[in-house]
N, C-alpha and C. Protein backbone atom coordinates (compact mmCIF):
# COMPACT_ATOMS: atom_id res chain seq x y z
N MET A 1 -45.60 -78.51 48.25
CA MET A 1 -44.60 -77.49 47.28
C MET A 1 -44.57 -78.35 46.12
N HIS A 2 -43.93 -79.67 46.61
CA HIS A 2 -43.43 -80.18 45.28
C HIS A 2 -44.31 -80.44 44.70
N GLY A 3 -45.62 -80.92 44.67
CA GLY A 3 -46.64 -80.69 43.80
C GLY A 3 -46.84 -79.50 43.04
N ALA A 4 -46.69 -78.50 43.35
CA ALA A 4 -46.84 -76.88 43.03
C ALA A 4 -45.52 -77.14 42.29
N ASN A 5 -44.21 -77.65 42.53
CA ASN A 5 -43.48 -77.30 41.90
C ASN A 5 -43.23 -78.32 40.70
N TRP A 6 -44.09 -79.40 40.65
CA TRP A 6 -44.26 -80.15 39.48
C TRP A 6 -45.24 -79.94 38.79
N LEU A 7 -46.14 -78.89 38.76
CA LEU A 7 -47.01 -78.34 38.28
C LEU A 7 -46.32 -77.14 37.51
N PHE A 8 -45.77 -76.70 38.15
CA PHE A 8 -44.65 -75.60 36.98
C PHE A 8 -43.89 -76.13 36.03
N TYR A 9 -43.48 -77.03 36.34
CA TYR A 9 -42.45 -77.67 35.48
C TYR A 9 -43.17 -77.83 34.35
N VAL A 10 -44.05 -79.03 34.34
CA VAL A 10 -44.97 -79.63 33.67
C VAL A 10 -45.42 -77.96 32.60
N GLY A 11 -46.30 -77.03 32.82
CA GLY A 11 -46.98 -75.84 32.86
C GLY A 11 -45.74 -75.11 31.92
N SER A 12 -44.76 -75.64 32.45
CA SER A 12 -43.67 -74.65 31.62
C SER A 12 -43.43 -75.45 30.48
N ALA A 13 -43.38 -76.32 30.34
CA ALA A 13 -42.78 -77.22 29.26
C ALA A 13 -43.89 -77.23 28.49
N VAL A 14 -45.32 -77.79 28.89
CA VAL A 14 -46.57 -77.37 27.45
C VAL A 14 -46.30 -76.09 27.04
N ALA A 15 -45.94 -75.00 27.95
CA ALA A 15 -46.23 -73.42 27.44
C ALA A 15 -45.03 -73.60 26.57
N SER A 16 -44.17 -73.97 26.59
CA SER A 16 -42.87 -74.31 25.54
C SER A 16 -42.83 -74.83 24.37
N LEU A 17 -43.65 -75.96 24.64
CA LEU A 17 -43.82 -76.69 23.44
C LEU A 17 -45.24 -76.70 22.53
N ILE A 18 -46.14 -75.51 22.97
CA ILE A 18 -47.39 -74.67 22.67
C ILE A 18 -46.33 -73.37 21.25
N GLY A 19 -45.59 -72.85 22.65
CA GLY A 19 -44.83 -71.75 21.80
C GLY A 19 -44.13 -72.40 20.44
N ALA A 20 -43.26 -73.27 20.45
CA ALA A 20 -42.60 -73.85 19.49
C ALA A 20 -43.32 -74.14 18.39
N LEU A 21 -44.33 -74.81 18.94
CA LEU A 21 -45.26 -75.65 17.79
C LEU A 21 -45.98 -74.20 16.73
N LEU A 22 -46.75 -73.51 17.71
CA LEU A 22 -46.97 -72.30 17.09
C LEU A 22 -45.96 -71.57 16.36
N GLY A 23 -45.05 -71.25 16.91
CA GLY A 23 -43.53 -70.61 16.06
C GLY A 23 -43.44 -71.47 14.75
N SER A 24 -43.71 -72.68 14.54
CA SER A 24 -43.42 -73.59 13.77
C SER A 24 -44.35 -73.15 12.48
N PHE A 25 -45.70 -73.17 13.52
CA PHE A 25 -46.65 -73.10 12.17
C PHE A 25 -46.89 -71.81 11.57
N PHE A 26 -46.69 -70.55 12.57
CA PHE A 26 -46.35 -69.42 11.78
C PHE A 26 -45.77 -68.98 10.70
N LYS A 27 -44.53 -69.57 11.12
CA LYS A 27 -42.95 -69.95 10.08
C LYS A 27 -43.35 -70.43 9.12
N ARG A 28 -44.40 -71.56 8.64
CA ARG A 28 -44.83 -72.02 8.02
C ARG A 28 -45.28 -71.43 7.00
N LEU A 29 -46.58 -71.23 8.05
CA LEU A 29 -47.73 -70.42 6.94
C LEU A 29 -46.90 -68.91 6.70
N GLY A 30 -45.96 -68.44 7.13
CA GLY A 30 -45.43 -67.54 6.16
C GLY A 30 -44.27 -67.64 5.20
N GLU A 31 -44.14 -68.58 5.06
CA GLU A 31 -42.68 -69.44 3.68
C GLU A 31 -43.93 -70.11 3.29
N ASP A 32 -45.45 -70.21 3.63
CA ASP A 32 -46.21 -70.90 2.08
C ASP A 32 -47.11 -69.68 1.83
N PHE A 33 -47.16 -68.69 2.47
CA PHE A 33 -47.64 -66.78 1.98
C PHE A 33 -46.53 -66.87 0.58
N ALA A 34 -45.43 -66.48 1.14
CA ALA A 34 -44.05 -66.16 0.32
C ALA A 34 -44.10 -67.18 -1.12
N ALA A 35 -44.63 -67.94 -0.87
CA ALA A 35 -44.20 -69.08 -2.05
C ALA A 35 -45.63 -68.80 -3.02
N GLN A 36 -46.64 -68.94 -2.13
CA GLN A 36 -47.89 -68.63 -3.28
C GLN A 36 -47.58 -67.19 -3.94
N GLN A 37 -46.80 -66.00 -3.27
CA GLN A 37 -46.67 -64.91 -3.59
C GLN A 37 -45.73 -65.11 -4.71
N SER A 38 -44.75 -65.81 -4.15
CA SER A 38 -43.63 -65.96 -5.35
C SER A 38 -44.43 -67.00 -6.57
N ILE A 39 -45.27 -67.75 -6.50
CA ILE A 39 -46.14 -68.26 -7.82
C ILE A 39 -46.58 -67.71 -8.51
N GLN A 40 -47.56 -66.54 -7.79
CA GLN A 40 -48.43 -65.41 -8.47
C GLN A 40 -47.50 -64.63 -9.37
N LYS A 41 -46.27 -64.33 -8.79
CA LYS A 41 -45.63 -63.45 -9.27
C LYS A 41 -45.11 -64.21 -11.01
N LEU A 42 -44.62 -65.32 -10.40
CA LEU A 42 -44.13 -66.42 -11.58
C LEU A 42 -45.44 -66.18 -12.52
N THR A 43 -46.48 -66.72 -12.36
CA THR A 43 -47.45 -66.58 -12.99
C THR A 43 -47.75 -65.58 -13.88
N ALA A 44 -47.54 -64.91 -13.44
CA ALA A 44 -48.10 -62.91 -14.33
C ALA A 44 -46.76 -63.01 -15.13
N THR A 45 -45.62 -63.36 -14.60
CA THR A 45 -45.12 -63.11 -15.43
C THR A 45 -45.10 -63.96 -16.89
N VAL A 46 -45.21 -65.24 -16.65
CA VAL A 46 -45.66 -66.25 -17.79
C VAL A 46 -46.59 -65.88 -18.84
N GLU A 47 -47.74 -65.02 -18.02
CA GLU A 47 -48.79 -64.79 -19.10
C GLU A 47 -48.06 -63.43 -19.51
N ASN A 48 -47.04 -62.37 -19.04
CA ASN A 48 -46.66 -61.17 -19.82
C ASN A 48 -45.94 -61.77 -20.93
N ILE A 49 -44.89 -62.73 -20.93
CA ILE A 49 -44.49 -63.15 -21.27
C ILE A 49 -45.26 -63.92 -22.73
N LYS A 50 -46.60 -64.74 -22.60
CA LYS A 50 -47.04 -65.15 -23.30
C LYS A 50 -48.07 -64.27 -24.19
N ALA A 51 -47.73 -63.26 -23.74
CA ALA A 51 -48.94 -62.20 -24.42
C ALA A 51 -48.19 -61.38 -25.21
N ALA A 52 -46.97 -61.32 -24.87
CA ALA A 52 -45.73 -60.43 -25.78
C ALA A 52 -45.35 -61.10 -26.60
N ILE A 53 -45.36 -62.75 -26.53
CA ILE A 53 -45.24 -63.56 -28.30
C ILE A 53 -46.44 -63.59 -28.45
N SER A 54 -47.68 -63.72 -28.38
CA SER A 54 -48.81 -63.61 -28.69
C SER A 54 -49.20 -62.48 -29.85
N ASP A 55 -48.42 -61.27 -29.43
CA ASP A 55 -48.56 -59.67 -30.09
C ASP A 55 -47.66 -60.20 -31.02
N ASP A 56 -46.46 -60.37 -30.83
CA ASP A 56 -45.14 -60.65 -31.83
C ASP A 56 -45.53 -61.48 -33.24
N VAL A 57 -46.36 -62.23 -32.40
CA VAL A 57 -46.72 -63.21 -33.70
C VAL A 57 -47.79 -62.35 -34.80
N TRP A 58 -48.64 -62.11 -33.90
CA TRP A 58 -49.83 -61.37 -34.83
C TRP A 58 -49.71 -60.18 -35.28
N ASP A 59 -48.25 -59.18 -34.95
CA ASP A 59 -47.55 -58.26 -35.94
C ASP A 59 -47.14 -58.54 -36.76
N ARG A 60 -46.47 -60.00 -36.69
CA ARG A 60 -45.70 -60.63 -38.06
C ARG A 60 -46.85 -60.84 -38.52
N GLN A 61 -47.70 -61.60 -38.35
CA GLN A 61 -48.79 -62.34 -39.30
C GLN A 61 -49.62 -61.09 -39.70
N LYS A 62 -49.57 -59.85 -39.62
CA LYS A 62 -50.33 -58.75 -39.79
C LYS A 62 -49.17 -58.24 -41.18
N GLN A 63 -48.01 -58.25 -40.41
CA GLN A 63 -46.83 -57.43 -41.44
C GLN A 63 -46.68 -58.58 -42.95
N TRP A 64 -46.92 -59.76 -42.74
CA TRP A 64 -46.81 -60.57 -43.27
C TRP A 64 -48.16 -60.34 -44.69
N GLU A 65 -49.48 -60.36 -44.17
CA GLU A 65 -50.36 -60.39 -45.07
C GLU A 65 -50.35 -59.24 -45.65
N LEU A 66 -49.96 -58.09 -44.94
CA LEU A 66 -50.02 -56.53 -45.57
C LEU A 66 -48.66 -56.53 -46.75
N ARG A 67 -47.77 -57.36 -46.47
CA ARG A 67 -46.66 -57.74 -47.76
C ARG A 67 -47.58 -58.65 -48.80
N ARG A 68 -48.20 -59.26 -48.22
CA ARG A 68 -48.33 -60.56 -49.46
C ARG A 68 -49.38 -59.93 -50.53
N ASP A 69 -50.22 -58.82 -49.77
CA ASP A 69 -51.63 -58.02 -50.85
C ASP A 69 -50.89 -56.90 -51.89
N ALA A 70 -49.59 -56.38 -50.94
CA ALA A 70 -48.93 -55.65 -51.77
C ALA A 70 -48.51 -55.94 -53.29
N VAL A 71 -48.05 -57.01 -53.12
CA VAL A 71 -47.36 -57.77 -53.86
C VAL A 71 -48.21 -58.08 -54.84
N LEU A 72 -49.29 -59.06 -54.35
CA LEU A 72 -50.10 -59.45 -55.50
C LEU A 72 -51.27 -58.28 -55.97
N ASP A 73 -51.36 -56.73 -55.52
CA ASP A 73 -51.72 -55.98 -56.28
C ASP A 73 -50.83 -55.27 -57.13
N ALA A 74 -49.57 -55.31 -57.26
CA ALA A 74 -48.66 -54.69 -57.73
C ALA A 74 -48.42 -55.53 -59.03
N ILE A 75 -48.31 -56.96 -58.79
CA ILE A 75 -48.71 -57.98 -60.12
C ILE A 75 -49.85 -57.48 -61.05
N ARG A 76 -50.90 -57.40 -60.11
CA ARG A 76 -52.50 -56.99 -60.99
C ARG A 76 -52.12 -55.85 -61.67
N ALA A 77 -51.61 -54.92 -61.05
CA ALA A 77 -51.71 -53.68 -62.00
C ALA A 77 -50.18 -53.60 -62.94
N ARG A 78 -49.43 -54.72 -62.88
CA ARG A 78 -48.36 -55.16 -64.06
C ARG A 78 -49.25 -55.49 -65.05
N ALA A 79 -50.06 -56.68 -64.53
CA ALA A 79 -50.70 -57.09 -65.70
C ALA A 79 -51.86 -56.46 -66.70
N ASP A 80 -52.36 -55.68 -65.57
CA ASP A 80 -53.31 -54.35 -66.77
C ASP A 80 -52.65 -53.58 -67.56
N LEU A 81 -51.25 -52.86 -66.95
CA LEU A 81 -50.49 -52.37 -67.74
C LEU A 81 -49.56 -52.42 -69.09
N GLU A 82 -49.49 -53.84 -68.92
CA GLU A 82 -48.76 -54.78 -69.82
C GLU A 82 -50.27 -54.91 -71.34
N ALA A 83 -51.30 -55.23 -70.75
CA ALA A 83 -52.59 -55.46 -71.69
C ALA A 83 -52.89 -54.18 -72.05
N ALA A 84 -52.66 -52.96 -71.05
CA ALA A 84 -52.78 -51.82 -71.91
C ALA A 84 -52.32 -51.01 -72.67
N LEU A 85 -50.54 -51.66 -72.56
CA LEU A 85 -50.11 -51.39 -73.69
C LEU A 85 -50.23 -51.90 -75.17
N VAL A 86 -50.19 -53.55 -75.02
CA VAL A 86 -50.72 -54.14 -76.05
C VAL A 86 -51.27 -53.55 -76.89
N ASN A 87 -52.87 -53.21 -76.20
CA ASN A 87 -53.51 -52.91 -76.85
C ASN A 87 -53.67 -51.63 -77.70
N LEU A 88 -52.60 -50.47 -77.00
CA LEU A 88 -52.75 -48.93 -77.28
C LEU A 88 -51.25 -49.59 -78.73
N ASN A 89 -50.89 -50.96 -78.49
CA ASN A 89 -49.61 -51.30 -79.26
C ASN A 89 -50.74 -51.75 -80.58
N SER A 90 -51.80 -52.06 -80.58
CA SER A 90 -52.50 -52.49 -81.80
C SER A 90 -53.88 -51.53 -82.53
N TRP A 91 -54.20 -51.04 -81.59
CA TRP A 91 -55.13 -49.91 -82.19
C TRP A 91 -53.95 -48.52 -82.96
N LEU A 92 -52.61 -48.57 -82.24
CA LEU A 92 -51.78 -47.73 -82.99
C LEU A 92 -51.76 -48.16 -84.61
N SER A 93 -51.45 -49.56 -84.71
CA SER A 93 -50.88 -50.34 -85.80
C SER A 93 -52.01 -49.49 -86.43
N ALA A 94 -53.85 -50.24 -86.04
CA ALA A 94 -54.76 -50.56 -87.08
C ALA A 94 -55.06 -49.09 -87.17
N SER A 95 -54.42 -47.88 -86.72
CA SER A 95 -54.96 -46.85 -87.00
C SER A 95 -54.18 -46.32 -88.99
N GLU A 96 -53.25 -46.57 -88.29
CA GLU A 96 -51.82 -46.35 -89.46
C GLU A 96 -52.52 -47.00 -90.78
N LYS A 97 -52.61 -48.35 -90.24
CA LYS A 97 -53.37 -49.15 -91.50
C LYS A 97 -54.41 -48.57 -92.28
N THR A 98 -55.10 -48.42 -91.48
CA THR A 98 -56.76 -48.01 -91.71
C THR A 98 -57.30 -46.51 -91.30
N PRO A 99 -56.65 -45.26 -91.77
CA PRO A 99 -57.00 -44.35 -90.61
C PRO A 99 -58.47 -43.56 -90.97
N THR A 100 -59.27 -44.14 -90.02
CA THR A 100 -60.99 -43.68 -90.28
C THR A 100 -60.95 -43.32 -88.72
N ASP A 101 -62.38 -42.49 -88.67
CA ASP A 101 -62.63 -42.20 -87.05
C ASP A 101 -62.65 -42.68 -86.64
N LYS A 102 -63.53 -43.63 -86.63
CA LYS A 102 -63.27 -45.00 -85.89
C LYS A 102 -61.98 -45.46 -85.03
N ALA A 103 -61.41 -45.96 -85.91
CA ALA A 103 -59.82 -46.11 -85.57
C ALA A 103 -59.50 -45.11 -84.54
N ASP A 104 -59.42 -43.76 -85.49
CA ASP A 104 -58.58 -42.95 -83.86
C ASP A 104 -59.51 -42.54 -82.98
N ALA A 105 -60.87 -43.06 -82.73
CA ALA A 105 -61.35 -42.97 -81.78
C ALA A 105 -61.13 -44.18 -80.83
N GLU A 106 -60.83 -45.21 -81.38
CA GLU A 106 -60.24 -46.27 -80.42
C GLU A 106 -59.18 -46.21 -80.22
N LEU A 107 -57.99 -45.52 -81.04
CA LEU A 107 -56.67 -45.14 -80.25
C LEU A 107 -56.58 -44.68 -79.31
N SER A 108 -57.59 -43.36 -79.48
CA SER A 108 -57.49 -42.05 -78.28
C SER A 108 -58.14 -43.07 -77.02
N ALA A 109 -59.34 -43.73 -77.12
CA ALA A 109 -60.14 -44.69 -75.88
C ALA A 109 -58.68 -45.82 -75.36
N ALA A 110 -57.48 -46.07 -76.09
CA ALA A 110 -56.55 -47.27 -75.92
C ALA A 110 -55.86 -46.18 -75.13
N SER A 111 -55.84 -45.25 -75.63
CA SER A 111 -54.54 -43.85 -74.90
C SER A 111 -54.91 -43.88 -73.49
N GLN A 112 -56.18 -43.27 -73.57
CA GLN A 112 -56.59 -43.18 -72.26
C GLN A 112 -56.82 -44.76 -71.54
N GLY A 113 -56.51 -45.37 -71.67
CA GLY A 113 -56.75 -46.62 -70.89
C GLY A 113 -55.33 -47.20 -70.11
N PHE A 114 -54.25 -46.62 -71.23
CA PHE A 114 -52.88 -47.10 -71.01
C PHE A 114 -52.74 -46.35 -69.64
N ARG A 115 -53.58 -44.84 -69.85
CA ARG A 115 -52.77 -43.69 -68.80
C ARG A 115 -53.70 -44.16 -67.40
N SER A 116 -54.67 -44.61 -67.67
CA SER A 116 -55.39 -45.08 -66.54
C SER A 116 -54.48 -46.11 -66.03
N SER A 117 -53.55 -47.31 -66.47
CA SER A 117 -53.36 -48.44 -66.40
C SER A 117 -52.12 -47.98 -65.66
N ARG A 118 -51.38 -47.04 -65.62
CA ARG A 118 -50.17 -46.29 -65.55
C ARG A 118 -50.67 -45.65 -64.26
N THR A 119 -51.61 -45.01 -64.08
CA THR A 119 -52.28 -44.63 -62.33
C THR A 119 -52.00 -45.30 -61.72
N SER A 120 -52.90 -46.89 -61.79
CA SER A 120 -53.40 -47.59 -60.92
C SER A 120 -51.83 -48.40 -60.85
N PHE A 121 -51.03 -48.62 -61.40
CA PHE A 121 -49.99 -49.11 -61.22
C PHE A 121 -49.16 -48.36 -60.19
N ARG A 122 -48.75 -47.10 -60.33
CA ARG A 122 -48.19 -46.01 -59.80
C ARG A 122 -48.77 -46.17 -58.54
N ARG A 123 -49.66 -46.25 -58.15
CA ARG A 123 -50.31 -46.65 -57.12
C ARG A 123 -49.99 -47.90 -56.23
N ALA A 124 -50.33 -48.99 -56.65
CA ALA A 124 -49.62 -50.37 -56.29
C ALA A 124 -48.11 -49.87 -55.98
N HIS A 125 -47.45 -49.48 -56.57
CA HIS A 125 -46.01 -49.52 -56.83
C HIS A 125 -45.64 -48.77 -55.38
N LEU A 126 -46.62 -47.65 -55.02
CA LEU A 126 -46.23 -46.45 -53.96
C LEU A 126 -46.67 -47.47 -52.36
N ILE A 127 -47.83 -48.14 -52.64
CA ILE A 127 -47.94 -49.50 -51.31
C ILE A 127 -46.82 -50.28 -51.47
N ALA A 128 -46.02 -50.69 -52.76
CA ALA A 128 -45.21 -52.15 -52.86
C ALA A 128 -43.86 -51.03 -51.96
N ASP A 129 -43.69 -49.89 -52.17
CA ASP A 129 -42.55 -48.99 -51.63
C ASP A 129 -43.00 -49.06 -50.20
N LEU A 130 -43.97 -49.21 -49.61
CA LEU A 130 -44.41 -48.66 -48.00
C LEU A 130 -43.77 -49.96 -47.65
N ALA A 131 -44.64 -51.37 -48.06
CA ALA A 131 -44.37 -53.13 -47.62
C ALA A 131 -43.73 -53.45 -47.82
N VAL A 132 -43.38 -53.06 -49.00
CA VAL A 132 -42.41 -54.09 -49.11
C VAL A 132 -40.82 -53.81 -49.61
N GLY A 133 -40.69 -52.76 -50.50
CA GLY A 133 -39.55 -52.26 -50.69
C GLY A 133 -38.24 -53.04 -51.49
N GLY A 134 -36.90 -52.99 -51.43
CA GLY A 134 -35.77 -53.50 -51.64
C GLY A 134 -36.05 -53.87 -53.85
N GLN A 135 -35.67 -54.80 -53.54
CA GLN A 135 -35.71 -55.20 -55.17
C GLN A 135 -36.82 -55.31 -55.94
N PHE A 136 -37.92 -55.55 -55.37
CA PHE A 136 -39.82 -55.58 -55.32
C PHE A 136 -39.68 -54.37 -56.15
N SER A 137 -39.32 -52.79 -55.38
CA SER A 137 -39.74 -51.91 -55.61
C SER A 137 -38.82 -51.14 -56.92
N ASN A 138 -37.61 -51.62 -56.77
CA ASN A 138 -36.80 -51.20 -57.91
C ASN A 138 -37.34 -52.03 -59.18
N ALA A 139 -37.68 -53.05 -59.39
CA ALA A 139 -38.58 -53.45 -60.46
C ALA A 139 -39.34 -52.93 -60.84
N MET A 140 -40.43 -52.70 -59.89
CA MET A 140 -41.58 -51.98 -60.53
C MET A 140 -41.34 -50.52 -61.06
N SER A 141 -40.08 -50.30 -60.10
CA SER A 141 -39.65 -48.58 -61.08
C SER A 141 -39.14 -48.81 -62.68
N ALA A 142 -38.48 -49.51 -62.63
CA ALA A 142 -37.87 -49.85 -64.19
C ALA A 142 -38.72 -50.03 -64.97
N TYR A 143 -39.72 -51.18 -64.60
CA TYR A 143 -40.65 -51.36 -65.37
C TYR A 143 -41.48 -50.05 -65.73
N PHE A 144 -42.08 -49.54 -64.76
CA PHE A 144 -42.97 -48.12 -64.80
C PHE A 144 -42.56 -47.46 -65.73
N LEU A 145 -41.05 -47.01 -65.51
CA LEU A 145 -40.35 -46.11 -66.80
C LEU A 145 -39.88 -46.68 -68.03
N LEU A 146 -39.90 -47.95 -67.82
CA LEU A 146 -39.57 -48.31 -69.73
C LEU A 146 -40.91 -48.59 -69.92
N THR A 147 -42.24 -48.41 -69.89
CA THR A 147 -43.20 -48.47 -70.79
C THR A 147 -43.81 -46.64 -70.63
N GLY A 148 -43.27 -45.88 -70.04
CA GLY A 148 -43.79 -44.60 -70.54
C GLY A 148 -42.87 -44.07 -71.31
N ALA A 149 -41.49 -44.59 -71.18
CA ALA A 149 -40.74 -44.26 -72.68
C ALA A 149 -40.98 -44.81 -73.61
N VAL A 150 -41.60 -46.41 -73.76
CA VAL A 150 -42.14 -47.41 -74.79
C VAL A 150 -43.06 -45.93 -75.60
N VAL A 151 -44.30 -45.89 -74.94
CA VAL A 151 -45.08 -45.24 -75.26
C VAL A 151 -44.92 -43.82 -75.76
N ARG A 152 -44.51 -42.84 -75.38
CA ARG A 152 -43.99 -41.80 -75.50
C ARG A 152 -43.63 -41.90 -77.14
N ASP A 153 -42.36 -42.93 -77.21
CA ASP A 153 -41.78 -43.28 -78.45
C ASP A 153 -42.98 -43.61 -79.67
N MET A 154 -44.00 -44.62 -79.03
CA MET A 154 -44.98 -44.84 -80.10
C MET A 154 -45.55 -44.33 -80.65
N THR A 155 -46.62 -43.19 -79.48
CA THR A 155 -47.37 -42.00 -80.23
C THR A 155 -46.49 -40.64 -80.89
N ARG A 156 -45.48 -40.36 -80.40
CA ARG A 156 -44.80 -39.24 -81.38
C ARG A 156 -44.40 -40.01 -82.49
N GLN A 157 -43.66 -41.33 -82.59
CA GLN A 157 -42.97 -41.63 -83.82
C GLN A 157 -44.16 -42.33 -84.32
N ARG A 158 -45.36 -42.68 -83.97
CA ARG A 158 -46.10 -43.69 -84.50
C ARG A 158 -45.72 -44.76 -84.99
N ALA A 159 -44.90 -45.20 -84.08
CA ALA A 159 -43.89 -46.60 -84.26
C ALA A 159 -44.83 -47.55 -83.51
N PHE A 160 -44.14 -48.52 -84.15
CA PHE A 160 -44.80 -50.01 -83.38
C PHE A 160 -43.50 -50.75 -82.51
N LEU A 161 -44.56 -51.21 -81.49
CA LEU A 161 -43.58 -52.68 -80.98
C LEU A 161 -42.51 -53.27 -82.30
N ASP A 162 -41.13 -53.20 -81.60
CA ASP A 162 -40.56 -54.17 -82.57
C ASP A 162 -40.43 -55.37 -81.64
N SER A 163 -39.79 -56.56 -82.14
CA SER A 163 -39.53 -57.56 -81.72
C SER A 163 -38.32 -56.86 -80.58
N ALA A 164 -37.60 -56.33 -80.41
CA ALA A 164 -36.48 -56.16 -79.85
C ALA A 164 -37.01 -55.22 -78.06
N LYS A 165 -37.99 -54.42 -79.26
CA LYS A 165 -38.60 -53.61 -77.69
C LYS A 165 -39.83 -54.63 -76.75
N SER A 166 -40.53 -55.38 -77.86
CA SER A 166 -41.12 -56.52 -77.31
C SER A 166 -40.09 -57.26 -76.15
N LYS A 167 -39.19 -57.91 -76.36
CA LYS A 167 -38.17 -58.46 -75.35
C LYS A 167 -37.70 -57.73 -74.01
N GLU A 168 -37.32 -56.40 -74.53
CA GLU A 168 -37.16 -55.68 -73.51
C GLU A 168 -38.04 -55.50 -72.15
N LEU A 169 -39.47 -55.05 -72.61
CA LEU A 169 -40.49 -55.40 -71.78
C LEU A 169 -40.95 -56.23 -71.46
N ALA A 170 -40.93 -57.55 -71.97
CA ALA A 170 -41.15 -58.75 -71.44
C ALA A 170 -40.08 -59.07 -70.32
N LEU A 171 -38.92 -58.75 -70.51
CA LEU A 171 -37.69 -59.02 -69.34
C LEU A 171 -38.07 -58.45 -68.07
N SER A 172 -38.33 -57.06 -68.38
CA SER A 172 -38.42 -56.16 -67.43
C SER A 172 -39.57 -56.42 -66.62
N GLY A 173 -40.92 -56.57 -67.26
CA GLY A 173 -41.90 -57.52 -66.54
C GLY A 173 -41.72 -58.65 -66.10
N ASN A 174 -40.94 -59.23 -66.30
CA ASN A 174 -40.66 -60.74 -65.82
C ASN A 174 -40.12 -60.55 -64.82
N ASN A 175 -38.94 -59.51 -64.35
CA ASN A 175 -37.88 -59.04 -63.88
C ASN A 175 -39.22 -58.70 -62.39
N VAL A 176 -40.09 -58.09 -62.76
CA VAL A 176 -41.11 -57.52 -61.82
C VAL A 176 -42.13 -59.08 -61.00
N ILE A 177 -42.31 -59.74 -61.83
CA ILE A 177 -42.54 -61.05 -61.29
C ILE A 177 -41.29 -62.04 -60.66
N LEU A 178 -40.30 -61.95 -60.92
CA LEU A 178 -39.65 -63.12 -60.15
C LEU A 178 -38.64 -62.20 -58.95
N SER A 179 -39.26 -60.97 -58.84
CA SER A 179 -38.99 -60.04 -57.12
C SER A 179 -39.95 -60.38 -56.49
N ALA A 180 -41.15 -60.30 -57.10
CA ALA A 180 -42.30 -60.55 -56.18
C ALA A 180 -42.08 -61.94 -56.00
N ARG A 181 -41.86 -62.99 -56.50
CA ARG A 181 -41.31 -64.12 -55.92
C ARG A 181 -40.73 -64.36 -54.72
N GLN A 182 -39.57 -63.63 -54.86
CA GLN A 182 -38.45 -63.70 -53.99
C GLN A 182 -39.17 -62.28 -52.51
N ALA A 183 -39.64 -61.73 -52.55
CA ALA A 183 -40.46 -60.97 -51.84
C ALA A 183 -41.20 -61.72 -50.69
N LEU A 184 -42.17 -62.84 -51.16
CA LEU A 184 -43.12 -63.78 -50.72
C LEU A 184 -42.33 -64.94 -50.71
N GLY A 185 -41.10 -65.48 -51.00
CA GLY A 185 -39.92 -66.40 -50.35
C GLY A 185 -40.85 -67.63 -51.10
N ILE A 186 -41.42 -67.23 -52.47
CA ILE A 186 -41.72 -68.53 -52.91
C ILE A 186 -39.79 -68.76 -54.20
N LYS A 187 -39.72 -70.34 -53.67
CA LYS A 187 -38.84 -70.54 -54.41
C LYS A 187 -38.84 -72.04 -55.48
N ASP A 188 -38.33 -72.04 -56.29
CA ASP A 188 -38.24 -72.99 -57.48
C ASP A 188 -39.41 -72.83 -57.87
N ALA A 189 -40.20 -72.05 -58.55
CA ALA A 189 -41.76 -71.85 -59.34
C ALA A 189 -41.05 -71.82 -60.86
N GLY A 190 -39.76 -72.09 -61.71
CA GLY A 190 -39.52 -72.18 -62.64
C GLY A 190 -39.39 -71.13 -63.72
N GLU A 191 -39.09 -71.03 -64.96
CA GLU A 191 -38.78 -70.03 -65.36
C GLU A 191 -40.14 -69.50 -65.87
N LEU A 192 -39.87 -67.98 -66.86
CA LEU A 192 -40.84 -67.13 -67.12
C LEU A 192 -40.67 -67.17 -68.68
N PRO A 193 -41.64 -67.12 -69.30
CA PRO A 193 -41.73 -66.93 -71.00
C PRO A 193 -41.56 -65.54 -71.43
N LEU A 194 -40.96 -65.56 -72.22
CA LEU A 194 -40.69 -64.10 -72.79
C LEU A 194 -41.01 -63.51 -73.69
N LEU A 195 -41.32 -64.09 -75.17
CA LEU A 195 -42.32 -63.97 -76.15
C LEU A 195 -42.89 -64.84 -77.25
N ASP A 196 -44.10 -64.48 -77.78
CA ASP A 196 -44.36 -65.54 -78.69
C ASP A 196 -43.50 -65.85 -80.15
N ASP A 197 -43.05 -66.71 -80.61
CA ASP A 197 -41.88 -66.15 -82.06
C ASP A 197 -43.11 -66.12 -83.10
N SER A 198 -44.16 -66.33 -82.76
CA SER A 198 -44.92 -67.24 -84.16
C SER A 198 -45.25 -65.18 -84.37
N ASN A 199 -45.60 -64.03 -83.56
CA ASN A 199 -45.92 -62.91 -83.98
C ASN A 199 -45.68 -62.14 -83.16
N GLY A 200 -44.53 -62.39 -82.32
CA GLY A 200 -43.40 -61.12 -81.95
C GLY A 200 -44.09 -60.45 -80.61
N GLN A 201 -45.19 -60.42 -80.10
CA GLN A 201 -45.73 -59.39 -79.70
C GLN A 201 -45.32 -60.05 -77.81
N LEU A 202 -46.07 -59.73 -77.12
CA LEU A 202 -45.74 -59.48 -75.55
C LEU A 202 -47.01 -60.85 -75.27
N THR A 203 -46.07 -61.83 -74.34
CA THR A 203 -47.30 -62.88 -74.04
C THR A 203 -47.54 -62.96 -72.91
N PRO A 204 -48.85 -63.22 -72.36
CA PRO A 204 -49.05 -63.22 -70.82
C PRO A 204 -48.25 -64.29 -69.91
N ASP A 205 -47.74 -64.03 -68.77
CA ASP A 205 -47.30 -64.91 -68.19
C ASP A 205 -47.91 -66.36 -67.50
N HIS A 206 -47.20 -67.18 -67.99
CA HIS A 206 -48.29 -68.33 -66.90
C HIS A 206 -47.35 -68.51 -65.52
């Protein structure tokens, strides 16, 4: 009997030990599984954050590119409009000094070129309103309206650009460029020229 009791106690002890070990194992296994789940959730969260940041950076980059392209297109349109106006003024002067059929034809072509340039400028202006806005759009509006008023006076009165009107146009045109610099974040780019004092004509901006 004593031997059987001894085996019973030993068996019970072994069973208890095995039970404790299995309980600890399954508990540790459960903790590891929970930890693994937590790691997977954390990883997924990190990846989502990284994707969101990447998308945000991508969106900002695309917006910047749209803004940049709109500004540059508008500046090109401004330069073309200025050149068309100066060309129109030159042919108006030539037509007045030597009124010939050829001069009239050239004046008509110059007028058409100016109208086409204004159309292109207006298109660029609308895109700038969408992509940029603010002071840049205001400066473009002012230049667009001024060139239209000047040419109406020129063609109705057969008057040429005088130095005062040329300076007003140059200031308005330069304001478009300065506003473009601001829109693009360009700083300390220096001043812009206004007039060539030798002839009082509008000069290209450098």
